[in-house]
Amino acid sequence: MHKISILKKYMALGLMAAMCMSGCAGGGGTGSENPPREENETATNDKDENVSETAGDQSESEGTDPILRDAMADEMGIFAGCAVTGAEVDDSKVWDIVTTHFSSVTLGNELKPDALVGYSVGKCPGTVTDELNGETIIVPKLDYSRAEKILDKILAWNEANPDREIKVRGHVLVWHSQTPEWFFHADYDKNKDYVSAGEMDKRLEWYIKTVLTHFTGQDSKYKDLFYGWDVVNEAISDGTGTYRSDNENPNESLSEDRHGSNSSWWHVYGSGEFIINAFKYANKYAPEDLELYYNDYNECNLNKRNGIVNLLEEIKAAEGAPGEGTRITAMGMQGHYGMESPSSNDILTSIQAYAKVVGRVQITELDISASEEYDGSEEAKEAEYEKLRKRYNMIKYAVTSSNLDEQVVTGITFWGTVDHYSWLQSRSNVGGGNTTGIPQCPLLFDENYEPKPCFYVFAGKK
């Protein structure tokens, strides 16, 4: 068996006494890095005809709603997570859903680089001096207030409810998107030249050290709150299946283009060295029990999957002891899927491919974009909800199948809670090829904060 994650230990030990085990950008919704994608690729569209629609699925009946986190831990042996942003945490009905049904939270935006510089993306917010490896360096000012507002609320909940604690996944340290372009330039001025790879590497190490120390260091009040952290996000290109570089589309800008193929990280380094170094620095400054992840989308596409596997193998090849070399705990499969693809077999095959390299997998940003027939009307909802129920049931089938012999998938995080806050409401060309203007109902709870039929796929009967 693979080493059990610290969140799973927490579930098994901390909640056994209670007879239960627990398992991007702005606006009002749960932001996500998940793009209007580069052209939707050749995803498999088979219908999973051999997958029983009722496998692991139980419809609702009279009575009190089951508790999702307990049901997923008891039946599937995994934790139940969700993503939230500050606006959602301020919604008391969302907070009730989070604290009732989920044992893990991912901050949708507030721990991304642009948030930690106070969203001063056009211009550096100011600089200070700091020390790195005995050298005094000039660094940008960081602003932790947005993240801490949410984390403080979770800490207060945990203190008052020690038998129903919520843990946090850090998201994300290194990403080509939502990292201000000025971070890569001389004097933190995007109008000046790019810095050298050596200078950029100091900035990379300083940033990872500072963020991890602030939130997980021995003197941090949040040190016991985090179970893991996404170290690198979306470094593989959809189009090429290799590294996301700086020359795939000359008409795209670099990091200022949120979801294009280009990357200022690659522009400075000219290689994937920054990825390996990011995992080295994360291993150096993170507590030994903090899980470290690589995270990506379109992860079931064959070409991209092969590229991700190659990247994971490179990270593993540089592995070392605590504080030395790289360390990676699991692969994060984002899970932004369409109504038709990927198939459950594609999902299962991808889980197995990633687990073969790094041992464990987590579904980290799960939601389902609407079918092209859905127009958001009340008349269409019943049919769409039934499609959604079946689709989530196929995903559950893939996860449970992957865990038959050993615990490979350790958790599922849904990218939001209620439909009207979903990032998909304001995005286009995602997952199954939806176009602008199609209403979305991708999550387990509807706009009235009530569980939908797909909720009971994972939670069981009332």
Protein backbone atom coordinates (compact mmCIF):
# COMPACT_ATOMS: atom_id res chain seq x y z
CA MET A 1 0.00 0.00 0.00
CA HIS A 2 1.09 3.50 -0.62
CA LYS A 3 1.69 5.84 2.27
CA ILE A 4 -1.63 7.18 3.57
CA SER A 5 -2.04 10.95 3.14
CA ILE A 6 -2.09 13.15 6.22
CA LEU A 7 -5.65 14.15 5.42
CA LYS A 8 -6.65 10.49 5.34
CA LYS A 9 -4.86 9.98 8.67
CA TYR A 10 -6.78 12.92 10.03
CA MET A 11 -10.04 11.44 8.83
CA ALA A 12 -9.34 7.99 10.17
CA LEU A 13 -8.01 9.01 13.56
CA GLY A 14 -9.49 12.39 14.34
CA LEU A 15 -13.06 11.49 13.43
CA MET A 16 -13.32 7.84 14.35
CA ALA A 17 -14.52 8.80 17.81
CA ALA A 18 -17.44 10.54 16.17
CA MET A 19 -18.17 7.33 14.22
CA CYS A 20 -17.47 8.98 10.91
CA MET A 21 -14.54 9.43 8.60
CA SER A 22 -14.08 12.61 6.60
CA GLY A 23 -12.94 12.57 3.78
CA CYS A 24 -9.92 31.47 -11.38
CA ALA A 25 -10.34 34.75 -11.39
CA GLY A 26 -12.40 37.23 -9.49
CA GLY A 27 -16.00 38.06 -9.86
CA GLY A 28 -18.44 36.51 -7.48
CA GLY A 29 -17.77 32.93 -8.48
CA THR A 30 -15.14 30.35 -7.73
CA GLY A 31 -12.39 31.44 -10.08
CA SER A 32 -10.31 28.85 -11.77
CA GLU A 33 -7.26 28.71 -13.86
CA ASN A 34 -9.24 26.58 -16.17
CA PRO A 35 -9.50 28.34 -19.33
CA PRO A 36 -11.37 28.93 -22.30
CA ARG A 37 -9.11 26.11 -23.47
CA GLU A 38 -6.68 26.01 -26.28
CA GLU A 39 -8.64 24.30 -29.04
CA ASN A 40 -10.58 21.37 -27.55
CA GLU A 41 -8.59 18.30 -28.41
CA THR A 42 -9.41 14.85 -29.64
CA ALA A 43 -11.03 13.64 -26.46
CA THR A 44 -12.70 10.25 -26.55
CA ASN A 45 -16.48 10.56 -26.86
CA ASP A 46 -17.61 7.02 -26.25
CA LYS A 47 -20.69 6.64 -24.07
CA ASP A 48 -19.42 4.13 -21.50
CA GLU A 49 -22.07 1.67 -22.54
CA ASN A 50 -20.66 -0.98 -20.24
CA VAL A 51 -20.93 1.23 -17.17
CA SER A 52 -24.09 0.61 -15.19
CA GLU A 53 -26.08 3.78 -14.63
CA THR A 54 -26.86 2.57 -11.13
CA ALA A 55 -23.37 1.48 -10.11
CA GLY A 56 -22.76 3.16 -6.81
CA ASP A 57 -25.76 5.47 -7.36
CA GLN A 58 -28.67 5.85 -4.98
CA SER A 59 -31.49 8.29 -5.57
CA GLU A 60 -33.03 10.49 -2.94
CA SER A 61 -35.90 9.38 -0.71
CA GLU A 62 -37.81 10.86 2.21
CA GLY A 63 -35.79 11.94 5.21
CA THR A 64 -32.82 14.07 6.20
CA ASP A 65 -30.08 14.67 3.64
CA PRO A 66 -27.01 12.48 4.22
CA ILE A 67 -23.67 14.09 5.01
CA LEU A 68 -21.46 14.02 1.94
CA ARG A 69 -18.09 13.92 3.72
CA ASP A 70 -19.15 10.98 5.86
CA ALA A 71 -20.67 9.05 2.97
CA MET A 72 -17.63 9.48 0.71
CA ALA A 73 -15.27 8.47 3.50
CA ASP A 74 -17.33 5.45 4.51
CA GLU A 75 -18.23 4.15 1.05
CA MET A 76 -15.30 5.29 -1.10
CA GLY A 77 -12.55 5.78 1.49
CA ILE A 78 -11.76 9.27 0.20
CA PHE A 79 -12.18 12.83 1.43
CA ALA A 80 -14.74 15.29 0.08
CA GLY A 81 -13.41 18.73 -0.83
CA CYS A 82 -14.75 21.92 -2.37
CA ALA A 83 -13.38 25.22 -3.65
CA VAL A 84 -14.46 28.58 -2.24
CA THR A 85 -13.56 32.23 -2.71
CA GLY A 86 -14.02 35.11 -0.30
CA ALA A 87 -17.39 36.08 -1.74
CA GLU A 88 -18.72 32.57 -1.22
CA VAL A 89 -17.43 32.28 2.34
CA ASP A 90 -19.36 35.46 3.12
CA ASP A 91 -22.56 33.75 1.94
CA SER A 92 -23.93 32.09 5.09
CA LYS A 93 -25.80 29.44 3.09
CA VAL A 94 -22.62 28.42 1.26
CA TRP A 95 -20.73 28.35 4.56
CA ASP A 96 -23.39 26.02 5.98
CA ILE A 97 -22.90 23.68 3.00
CA VAL A 98 -19.11 23.78 3.36
CA THR A 99 -19.08 23.06 7.08
CA THR A 100 -21.73 20.35 6.83
CA HIS A 101 -20.59 18.42 3.79
CA PHE A 102 -16.85 18.93 3.18
CA SER A 103 -13.69 18.06 5.06
CA SER A 104 -11.31 19.87 2.70
CA VAL A 105 -11.30 23.35 1.15
CA THR A 106 -9.28 24.80 -1.71
CA LEU A 107 -9.11 28.59 -1.92
CA GLY A 108 -10.14 29.30 -5.50
CA ASN A 109 -8.08 32.45 -5.93
CA GLU A 110 -6.68 33.82 -2.71
CA LEU A 111 -3.41 31.86 -2.60
CA LYS A 112 -2.48 32.46 -6.23
CA PRO A 113 0.44 34.79 -6.95
CA ASP A 114 -1.67 37.71 -8.17
CA ALA A 115 -3.77 37.64 -5.00
CA LEU A 116 -0.68 37.56 -2.80
CA VAL A 117 0.55 40.82 -4.33
CA GLY A 118 -2.82 42.44 -3.73
CA TYR A 119 -3.89 42.06 -7.38
CA SER A 120 -1.32 44.67 -8.39
CA VAL A 121 -0.89 42.94 -11.72
CA GLY A 122 -0.06 45.96 -13.86
CA LYS A 123 2.59 47.37 -11.56
CA CYS A 124 4.61 45.97 -8.66
CA PRO A 125 2.98 47.08 -5.37
CA GLY A 126 6.34 48.09 -3.92
CA THR A 127 9.49 46.33 -2.79
CA VAL A 128 11.26 45.41 0.44
CA THR A 129 14.56 43.71 1.23
CA ASP A 130 14.76 40.14 2.41
CA GLU A 131 17.43 37.50 3.01
CA LEU A 132 17.93 34.37 0.93
CA ASN A 133 20.80 31.97 1.51
CA GLY A 134 22.83 34.71 3.19
CA GLU A 135 22.23 37.24 0.43
CA THR A 136 20.12 40.39 0.72
CA ILE A 137 17.67 40.63 -2.18
CA ILE A 138 14.95 43.03 -3.24
CA VAL A 139 11.51 41.43 -3.40
CA PRO A 140 7.92 42.56 -3.94
CA LYS A 141 5.62 43.20 -0.99
CA LEU A 142 3.20 40.38 -0.29
CA ASP A 143 -0.35 40.76 0.97
CA TYR A 144 -1.81 37.75 2.79
CA SER A 145 -5.03 39.42 3.91
CA ARG A 146 -7.43 37.87 1.38
CA ALA A 147 -6.28 34.35 2.14
CA GLU A 148 -6.13 34.93 5.88
CA LYS A 149 -9.71 36.17 5.99
CA ILE A 150 -10.87 32.74 4.82
CA LEU A 151 -8.28 30.76 6.77
CA ASP A 152 -9.15 32.55 10.02
CA LYS A 153 -12.78 31.61 9.54
CA ILE A 154 -11.82 27.97 9.01
CA LEU A 155 -9.56 28.05 12.08
CA ALA A 156 -12.40 29.41 14.18
CA TRP A 157 -14.70 26.68 12.89
CA ASN A 158 -12.14 23.98 13.65
CA GLU A 159 -11.60 25.27 17.17
CA ALA A 160 -15.34 25.18 17.86
CA ASN A 161 -15.86 21.86 16.05
CA PRO A 162 -12.83 19.64 16.67
CA ASP A 163 -14.72 16.55 15.53
CA ARG A 164 -15.65 18.16 12.19
CA GLU A 165 -12.41 19.88 11.22
CA ILE A 166 -11.80 21.24 7.74
CA LYS A 167 -8.33 21.02 6.18
CA VAL A 168 -6.95 23.22 3.38
CA ARG A 169 -5.21 22.57 0.07
CA GLY A 170 -2.79 25.32 -0.97
CA HIS A 171 -3.28 26.48 -4.55
CA VAL A 172 -0.90 27.39 -6.23
CA LEU A 173 2.83 28.32 -6.04
CA VAL A 174 4.04 28.28 -9.68
CA TRP A 175 1.75 28.97 -12.60
CA HIS A 176 2.19 30.81 -15.88
CA SER A 177 -1.23 32.42 -15.43
CA GLN A 178 -2.23 34.77 -12.62
CA THR A 179 1.44 35.52 -12.04
CA PRO A 180 2.02 39.21 -12.82
CA GLU A 181 4.25 39.80 -15.84
CA TRP A 182 6.40 42.29 -13.91
CA PHE A 183 7.60 39.44 -11.67
CA PHE A 184 9.81 38.24 -14.55
CA HIS A 185 11.41 41.58 -15.44
CA ALA A 186 14.29 43.76 -14.19
CA ASP A 187 13.32 45.99 -11.28
CA TYR A 188 9.89 44.31 -11.32
CA ASP A 189 8.96 46.53 -14.26
CA LYS A 190 7.30 44.75 -17.18
CA ASN A 191 8.58 47.44 -19.57
CA LYS A 192 12.19 46.44 -18.86
CA ASP A 193 14.13 43.38 -19.98
CA TYR A 194 13.51 39.91 -18.65
CA VAL A 195 15.88 38.92 -15.86
CA SER A 196 18.39 36.09 -16.25
CA ALA A 197 17.51 32.52 -15.31
CA GLY A 198 19.85 32.82 -12.32
CA GLU A 199 18.07 35.92 -11.04
CA MET A 200 14.68 34.36 -11.69
CA ASP A 201 15.68 31.30 -9.72
CA LYS A 202 16.36 33.48 -6.67
CA ARG A 203 12.90 34.97 -7.03
CA LEU A 204 11.40 31.50 -7.38
CA GLU A 205 13.10 30.17 -4.27
CA TRP A 206 12.31 33.30 -2.27
CA TYR A 207 8.63 33.17 -3.21
CA ILE A 208 8.19 29.48 -2.37
CA LYS A 209 10.14 29.85 0.87
CA THR A 210 8.20 32.92 1.96
CA VAL A 211 4.72 31.61 1.18
CA LEU A 212 5.27 28.15 2.67
CA THR A 213 6.97 29.56 5.78
CA HIS A 214 4.18 32.06 6.34
CA PHE A 215 1.42 29.47 6.12
CA THR A 216 3.07 26.19 7.17
CA GLY A 217 6.15 27.20 9.17
CA GLN A 218 6.55 26.29 12.84
CA ASP A 219 5.67 29.82 13.95
CA SER A 220 2.58 30.09 11.75
CA LYS A 221 -0.86 29.85 13.33
CA TYR A 222 -1.95 28.05 10.15
CA LYS A 223 0.75 25.36 10.29
CA ASP A 224 -1.65 22.53 11.16
CA LEU A 225 -4.35 23.67 8.75
CA PHE A 226 -2.80 22.64 5.41
CA TYR A 227 -2.60 19.04 4.24
CA GLY A 228 -1.03 19.73 0.83
CA TRP A 229 -0.03 22.31 -1.76
CA ASP A 230 -0.10 22.53 -5.56
CA VAL A 231 3.52 23.31 -6.40
CA VAL A 232 3.22 23.67 -10.19
CA ASN A 233 0.06 24.11 -12.24
CA GLU A 234 -0.66 23.55 -15.94
CA ALA A 235 2.88 23.37 -17.29
CA ILE A 236 2.01 21.07 -20.20
CA SER A 237 0.60 22.46 -23.44
CA ASP A 238 -2.69 21.21 -24.87
CA GLY A 239 -1.47 21.64 -28.41
CA THR A 240 1.95 19.99 -28.28
CA GLY A 241 1.73 17.66 -25.29
CA THR A 242 5.12 18.99 -24.25
CA TYR A 243 6.10 21.93 -22.07
CA ARG A 244 4.06 25.11 -22.32
CA SER A 245 6.70 27.39 -23.87
CA ASP A 246 6.90 30.99 -25.09
CA ASN A 247 6.78 30.54 -28.85
CA GLU A 248 3.76 28.39 -29.69
CA ASN A 249 1.63 31.32 -30.77
CA PRO A 250 3.49 34.53 -31.63
CA ASN A 251 0.24 36.51 -31.44
CA GLU A 252 -0.20 35.71 -27.75
CA SER A 253 1.41 37.71 -24.98
CA LEU A 254 3.13 35.81 -22.22
CA SER A 255 1.93 35.64 -18.62
CA GLU A 256 -0.53 38.46 -19.18
CA ASP A 257 -2.50 36.10 -21.40
CA ARG A 258 -4.28 34.14 -18.68
CA HIS A 259 -4.89 30.90 -20.47
CA GLY A 260 -2.88 30.88 -23.66
CA SER A 261 -0.08 28.48 -24.48
CA ASN A 262 2.72 30.89 -23.63
CA SER A 263 4.69 31.02 -20.39
CA SER A 264 7.05 33.67 -19.08
CA TRP A 265 8.57 31.02 -16.83
CA TRP A 266 9.70 29.22 -19.98
CA HIS A 267 10.73 32.49 -21.64
CA VAL A 268 13.19 33.20 -18.82
CA TYR A 269 14.51 29.68 -18.24
CA GLY A 270 14.29 28.30 -21.78
CA SER A 271 13.58 24.88 -20.30
CA GLY A 272 11.52 23.04 -17.71
CA GLU A 273 14.22 23.59 -15.09
CA PHE A 274 11.94 25.93 -13.18
CA ILE A 275 9.50 23.05 -12.60
CA ILE A 276 12.16 20.78 -11.12
CA ASN A 277 13.50 23.65 -9.04
CA ALA A 278 10.03 24.50 -7.76
CA PHE A 279 9.62 20.98 -6.40
CA LYS A 280 13.12 21.13 -4.90
CA TYR A 281 12.36 24.38 -3.11
CA ALA A 282 8.96 23.13 -1.98
CA ASN A 283 10.63 20.05 -0.54
CA LYS A 284 13.25 22.26 1.12
CA TYR A 285 10.83 24.61 2.87
CA ALA A 286 7.65 22.57 3.38
CA PRO A 287 7.06 20.41 6.46
CA GLU A 288 7.80 16.77 5.71
CA ASP A 289 4.15 15.80 6.13
CA LEU A 290 2.82 18.47 3.75
CA GLU A 291 1.77 16.79 0.51
CA LEU A 292 3.14 18.29 -2.72
CA TYR A 293 1.32 18.06 -6.05
CA TYR A 294 1.46 18.70 -9.76
CA ASN A 295 -1.95 19.83 -11.09
CA ASP A 296 -3.30 20.03 -14.67
CA TYR A 297 -6.44 20.02 -16.84
CA ASN A 298 -7.37 18.11 -20.03
CA GLU A 299 -5.45 15.41 -18.23
CA CYS A 300 -7.35 12.56 -19.90
CA ASN A 301 -6.40 13.60 -23.44
CA LEU A 302 -3.91 11.00 -24.73
CA ASN A 303 -1.33 13.43 -26.09
CA LYS A 304 -1.37 15.65 -23.04
CA ARG A 305 -1.46 12.69 -20.65
CA ASN A 306 1.76 11.37 -22.16
CA GLY A 307 3.35 14.78 -21.68
CA ILE A 308 2.24 14.95 -18.05
CA VAL A 309 3.56 11.44 -17.41
CA ASN A 310 6.95 12.47 -18.83
CA LEU A 311 6.98 15.51 -16.56
CA LEU A 312 6.10 13.45 -13.50
CA GLU A 313 8.89 11.02 -14.35
CA GLU A 314 11.37 13.91 -14.53
CA ILE A 315 10.23 15.20 -11.14
CA LYS A 316 10.54 11.72 -9.63
CA ALA A 317 13.98 11.23 -11.18
CA ALA A 318 15.24 14.28 -9.25
CA GLU A 319 13.76 13.05 -5.98
CA GLY A 320 15.80 13.34 -2.81
CA ALA A 321 15.67 13.22 0.97
CA PRO A 322 13.71 15.87 2.92
CA GLY A 323 15.25 19.22 2.07
CA GLU A 324 17.22 17.71 -0.81
CA GLY A 325 16.02 17.12 -4.34
CA THR A 326 12.40 17.02 -5.36
CA ARG A 327 9.38 15.50 -3.64
CA ILE A 328 5.95 14.85 -5.14
CA THR A 329 3.08 13.15 -3.35
CA ALA A 330 0.32 12.90 -5.94
CA MET A 331 -0.97 14.02 -9.31
CA GLY A 332 -3.87 16.46 -9.32
CA MET A 333 -6.34 15.67 -12.11
CA GLN A 334 -8.45 18.81 -12.32
CA GLY A 335 -11.55 17.09 -13.69
CA HIS A 336 -13.19 19.92 -15.66
CA TYR A 337 -15.18 17.56 -17.85
CA GLY A 338 -17.92 17.84 -20.44
CA MET A 339 -21.18 15.93 -20.50
CA GLU A 340 -19.87 13.52 -23.14
CA SER A 341 -16.15 13.26 -22.56
CA PRO A 342 -13.79 12.04 -21.32
CA SER A 343 -15.18 8.54 -20.95
CA SER A 344 -14.97 6.68 -17.68
CA ASN A 345 -12.39 4.41 -19.32
CA ASP A 346 -10.29 7.45 -20.26
CA ILE A 347 -10.49 8.67 -16.65
CA LEU A 348 -9.58 5.26 -15.24
CA THR A 349 -6.69 4.84 -17.70
CA SER A 350 -5.37 8.29 -16.78
CA ILE A 351 -5.59 7.60 -13.06
CA GLN A 352 -3.63 4.40 -13.55
CA ALA A 353 -1.00 6.09 -15.73
CA TYR A 354 -0.34 8.83 -13.19
CA ALA A 355 -0.46 6.51 -10.20
CA LYS A 356 2.13 4.28 -11.83
CA VAL A 357 4.61 7.18 -11.59
CA VAL A 358 3.72 9.03 -8.39
CA GLY A 359 1.61 6.49 -6.50
CA ARG A 360 -1.49 8.54 -5.78
CA VAL A 361 -4.00 10.77 -7.51
CA GLN A 362 -6.58 13.33 -6.41
CA ILE A 363 -9.43 14.79 -8.46
CA THR A 364 -8.92 18.44 -7.64
CA GLU A 365 -11.41 20.70 -9.48
CA LEU A 366 -14.33 18.53 -10.51
CA ASP A 367 -17.30 20.00 -12.35
CA ILE A 368 -19.32 19.16 -15.47
CA SER A 369 -20.10 21.70 -18.19
CA ALA A 370 -23.65 21.65 -19.53
CA SER A 371 -24.82 19.83 -22.62
CA GLU A 372 -25.36 21.90 -25.74
CA GLU A 373 -29.13 21.30 -25.54
CA TYR A 374 -29.46 22.91 -22.11
CA ASP A 375 -30.99 26.40 -22.17
CA GLY A 376 -31.40 26.97 -18.44
CA SER A 377 -35.20 26.84 -18.51
CA GLU A 378 -37.16 25.06 -15.81
CA GLU A 379 -38.46 22.64 -18.45
CA ALA A 380 -34.90 21.67 -19.42
CA LYS A 381 -33.58 21.28 -15.89
CA GLU A 382 -35.04 17.88 -15.13
CA ALA A 383 -33.47 16.30 -18.22
CA GLU A 384 -30.14 18.08 -17.65
CA TYR A 385 -30.03 17.07 -14.00
CA GLU A 386 -30.56 13.46 -14.99
CA LYS A 387 -27.70 13.68 -17.51
CA LEU A 388 -25.55 15.20 -14.79
CA ARG A 389 -26.45 12.42 -12.36
CA LYS A 390 -25.43 9.77 -14.86
CA ARG A 391 -22.24 11.62 -15.74
CA TYR A 392 -21.13 11.94 -12.13
CA ASN A 393 -22.00 8.30 -11.61
CA MET A 394 -19.63 7.33 -14.45
CA ILE A 395 -16.87 9.38 -12.83
CA LYS A 396 -17.53 7.72 -9.49
CA TYR A 397 -17.35 4.34 -11.22
CA ALA A 398 -13.89 5.21 -12.61
CA VAL A 399 -12.65 6.32 -9.20
CA THR A 400 -13.96 3.31 -7.31
CA SER A 401 -12.61 0.98 -9.99
CA SER A 402 -9.15 2.50 -9.63
CA ASN A 403 -9.26 1.86 -5.88
CA LEU A 404 -10.25 -1.82 -6.00
CA ASP A 405 -6.79 -3.22 -5.25
CA GLU A 406 -5.26 -0.32 -3.32
CA GLN A 407 -6.07 3.28 -2.42
CA VAL A 408 -4.94 5.21 -5.50
CA VAL A 409 -7.42 8.10 -5.51
CA THR A 410 -7.45 9.67 -2.04
CA GLY A 411 -9.84 12.57 -2.51
CA ILE A 412 -12.27 14.44 -4.75
CA THR A 413 -12.55 18.22 -4.66
CA PHE A 414 -15.54 19.77 -6.41
CA TRP A 415 -14.77 23.17 -7.95
CA GLY A 416 -17.42 25.03 -6.03
CA THR A 417 -20.60 24.28 -4.11
CA VAL A 418 -23.67 25.96 -5.67
CA ASP A 419 -24.26 26.41 -9.38
CA HIS A 420 -24.67 30.17 -9.52
CA TYR A 421 -21.17 30.79 -8.14
CA SER A 422 -19.48 28.42 -10.57
CA TRP A 423 -16.69 29.88 -12.71
CA LEU A 424 -18.35 28.16 -15.68
CA GLN A 425 -21.14 30.72 -15.62
CA SER A 426 -18.71 33.27 -17.05
CA ARG A 427 -16.43 31.04 -19.14
CA SER A 428 -16.72 29.62 -22.64
CA ASN A 429 -15.32 26.79 -24.77
CA VAL A 430 -14.71 24.54 -21.79
CA GLY A 431 -14.88 20.80 -21.36
CA GLY A 432 -17.44 19.48 -23.83
CA GLY A 433 -17.14 22.39 -26.25
CA ASN A 434 -19.80 24.70 -24.85
CA THR A 435 -20.16 28.18 -26.28
CA THR A 436 -20.70 31.58 -24.71
CA GLY A 437 -24.13 32.07 -23.21
CA ILE A 438 -25.00 28.49 -22.30
CA PRO A 439 -26.27 28.36 -18.71
CA GLN A 440 -24.37 26.04 -16.43
CA CYS A 441 -25.40 23.65 -13.65
CA PRO A 442 -22.09 21.85 -12.97
CA LEU A 443 -22.11 21.27 -9.21
CA LEU A 444 -23.86 19.25 -6.52
CA PHE A 445 -26.09 22.06 -5.19
CA ASP A 446 -28.50 24.25 -7.15
CA GLU A 447 -29.15 27.99 -7.08
CA ASN A 448 -31.50 27.46 -4.12
CA TYR A 449 -28.64 25.83 -2.15
CA GLU A 450 -30.43 22.48 -2.36
CA PRO A 451 -28.77 19.17 -3.26
CA LYS A 452 -29.37 17.99 -6.81
CA PRO A 453 -29.81 14.34 -7.91
CA CYS A 454 -26.05 14.12 -8.61
CA PHE A 455 -25.37 14.87 -4.93
CA TYR A 456 -26.85 11.49 -4.00
CA VAL A 457 -24.46 9.69 -6.36
CA PHE A 458 -21.76 10.42 -3.79
CA ALA A 459 -23.81 10.90 -0.62
CA GLY A 460 -26.19 7.95 -0.88
CA LYS A 461 -29.80 7.95 0.28
CA LYS A 462 -31.50 10.53 2.47
